[in-house]
Amino acid sequence: MSSTFNTLQAIIVDQYGIDSKLIQPNASLTDLGMDSLTLMEFIFSAEDAFHLRIPEERLGESLSELTLQNVCDAIDQIKQSG
């Protein structure tokens, strides 16, 4: 797993109490029990952890289909272009 994934996984475990064994790259974040408000809080926490901002269009059209891999990819792309 990438360091980006590991950081995001730690945020989910620490802030939302989700078992790390359930957190897989292609699992939908809503399947992990995150509602729309929790998803946005998670994105803000990820932005703070990586000291960047993720434009909404990088996350896709539907937050309900957002996976951890989508967030990892968006962060990695921003880090590479920055």
C-alpha atoms as a PDB file:
ATOM      1  CA  MET A   1       0.000   0.000   0.000  1.00  0.00           C
ATOM      2  CA  SER A   2       1.124   3.550  -0.661  1.00  0.00           C
ATOM      3  CA  SER A   3       2.037   6.031   2.042  1.00  0.00           C
ATOM      4  CA  THR A   4      -0.968   8.100   0.925  1.00  0.00           C
ATOM      5  CA  PHE A   5      -3.259   5.126   1.518  1.00  0.00           C
ATOM      6  CA  ASN A   6      -1.668   4.431   4.913  1.00  0.00           C
ATOM      7  CA  THR A   7      -2.149   8.045   6.003  1.00  0.00           C
ATOM      8  CA  LEU A   8      -5.783   8.079   4.881  1.00  0.00           C
ATOM      9  CA  GLN A   9      -6.410   4.721   6.533  1.00  0.00           C
ATOM     10  CA  ALA A  10      -4.983   6.083   9.806  1.00  0.00           C
ATOM     11  CA  ILE A  11      -7.311   9.100   9.609  1.00  0.00           C
ATOM     12  CA  ILE A  12     -10.331   6.830   9.131  1.00  0.00           C
ATOM     13  CA  VAL A  13      -9.330   4.540  11.986  1.00  0.00           C
ATOM     14  CA  ASP A  14      -8.420   7.354  14.401  1.00  0.00           C
ATOM     15  CA  GLN A  15     -11.260   9.766  13.680  1.00  0.00           C
ATOM     16  CA  TYR A  16     -14.117   7.424  12.795  1.00  0.00           C
ATOM     17  CA  GLY A  17     -13.271   4.203  14.643  1.00  0.00           C
ATOM     18  CA  ILE A  18     -13.556   2.002  11.578  1.00  0.00           C
ATOM     19  CA  ASP A  19     -11.668  -1.304  11.772  1.00  0.00           C
ATOM     20  CA  SER A  20      -8.533  -1.100   9.622  1.00  0.00           C
ATOM     21  CA  LYS A  21      -9.240  -4.578   8.215  1.00  0.00           C
ATOM     22  CA  LEU A  22     -12.373  -3.204   6.542  1.00  0.00           C
ATOM     23  CA  ILE A  23     -10.527  -0.358   4.842  1.00  0.00           C
ATOM     24  CA  GLN A  24      -9.585  -1.438   1.335  1.00  0.00           C
ATOM     25  CA  PRO A  25      -8.605   0.822  -1.587  1.00  0.00           C
ATOM     26  CA  ASN A  26     -11.670  -0.007  -3.688  1.00  0.00           C
ATOM     27  CA  ALA A  27     -14.235  -0.029  -0.891  1.00  0.00           C
ATOM     28  CA  SER A  28     -16.789   2.731  -1.146  1.00  0.00           C
ATOM     29  CA  LEU A  29     -16.438   5.147   1.749  1.00  0.00           C
ATOM     30  CA  THR A  30     -20.214   5.057   2.192  1.00  0.00           C
ATOM     31  CA  ASP A  31     -19.951   1.268   2.548  1.00  0.00           C
ATOM     32  CA  LEU A  32     -17.666   1.962   5.503  1.00  0.00           C
ATOM     33  CA  GLY A  33     -20.542   3.851   7.118  1.00  0.00           C
ATOM     34  CA  MET A  34     -19.660   7.410   6.153  1.00  0.00           C
ATOM     35  CA  ASP A  35     -22.561   9.698   5.317  1.00  0.00           C
ATOM     36  CA  SER A  36     -22.181  12.840   3.199  1.00  0.00           C
ATOM     37  CA  LEU A  37     -21.214  15.043   6.167  1.00  0.00           C
ATOM     38  CA  THR A  38     -18.658  12.510   7.419  1.00  0.00           C
ATOM     39  CA  LEU A  39     -17.236  12.197   3.901  1.00  0.00           C
ATOM     40  CA  MET A  40     -16.667  15.940   3.701  1.00  0.00           C
ATOM     41  CA  GLU A  41     -15.077  15.981   7.169  1.00  0.00           C
ATOM     42  CA  PHE A  42     -12.789  13.158   6.032  1.00  0.00           C
ATOM     43  CA  ILE A  43     -11.802  15.071   2.880  1.00  0.00           C
ATOM     44  CA  PHE A  44     -11.015  18.153   5.003  1.00  0.00           C
ATOM     45  CA  SER A  45      -8.892  16.003   7.327  1.00  0.00           C
ATOM     46  CA  ALA A  46      -7.065  14.516   4.342  1.00  0.00           C
ATOM     47  CA  GLU A  47      -6.433  17.985   2.929  1.00  0.00           C
ATOM     48  CA  ASP A  48      -5.027  19.103   6.274  1.00  0.00           C
ATOM     49  CA  ALA A  49      -2.832  16.001   6.592  1.00  0.00           C
ATOM     50  CA  PHE A  50      -1.290  16.551   3.153  1.00  0.00           C
ATOM     51  CA  HIS A  51      -1.320  20.381   3.259  1.00  0.00           C
ATOM     52  CA  LEU A  52      -3.276  20.702   0.012  1.00  0.00           C
ATOM     53  CA  ARG A  53      -6.766  21.301  -1.325  1.00  0.00           C
ATOM     54  CA  ILE A  54      -8.626  18.737  -3.398  1.00  0.00           C
ATOM     55  CA  PRO A  55     -10.909  20.321  -6.013  1.00  0.00           C
ATOM     56  CA  GLU A  56     -14.353  18.719  -5.979  1.00  0.00           C
ATOM     57  CA  GLU A  57     -14.069  17.733  -9.641  1.00  0.00           C
ATOM     58  CA  ARG A  58     -11.072  15.519  -8.760  1.00  0.00           C
ATOM     59  CA  LEU A  59     -13.317  13.430  -6.519  1.00  0.00           C
ATOM     60  CA  GLY A  60     -15.868  12.569  -9.188  1.00  0.00           C
ATOM     61  CA  GLU A  61     -19.506  13.340  -9.625  1.00  0.00           C
ATOM     62  CA  SER A  62     -20.948  11.238  -6.820  1.00  0.00           C
ATOM     63  CA  LEU A  63     -19.606  11.200  -3.295  1.00  0.00           C
ATOM     64  CA  SER A  64     -21.674   8.073  -2.646  1.00  0.00           C
ATOM     65  CA  GLU A  65     -19.406   6.169  -5.056  1.00  0.00           C
ATOM     66  CA  LEU A  66     -16.166   7.657  -3.735  1.00  0.00           C
ATOM     67  CA  THR A  67     -13.512   5.095  -2.817  1.00  0.00           C
ATOM     68  CA  LEU A  68     -10.346   5.484  -0.814  1.00  0.00           C
ATOM     69  CA  GLN A  69      -8.422   4.802  -4.020  1.00  0.00           C
ATOM     70  CA  ASN A  70     -10.150   7.782  -5.676  1.00  0.00           C
ATOM     71  CA  VAL A  71      -8.986  10.019  -2.851  1.00  0.00           C
ATOM     72  CA  CYS A  72      -5.452   8.528  -2.962  1.00  0.00           C
ATOM     73  CA  ASP A  73      -5.253   9.107  -6.708  1.00  0.00           C
ATOM     74  CA  ALA A  74      -6.453  12.708  -6.413  1.00  0.00           C
ATOM     75  CA  ILE A  75      -3.923  13.472  -3.668  1.00  0.00           C
ATOM     76  CA  ASP A  76      -1.063  11.798  -5.538  1.00  0.00           C
ATOM     77  CA  GLN A  77      -1.908  13.715  -8.735  1.00  0.00           C
ATOM     78  CA  ILE A  78      -1.981  17.023  -6.856  1.00  0.00           C
ATOM     79  CA  LYS A  79       1.310  16.242  -5.110  1.00  0.00           C
ATOM     80  CA  GLN A  80       2.963  15.396  -8.442  1.00  0.00           C
ATOM     81  CA  SER A  81       1.711  18.540 -10.160  1.00  0.00           C
ATOM     82  CA  GLY A  82       2.550  20.803  -7.232  1.00  0.00           C
END
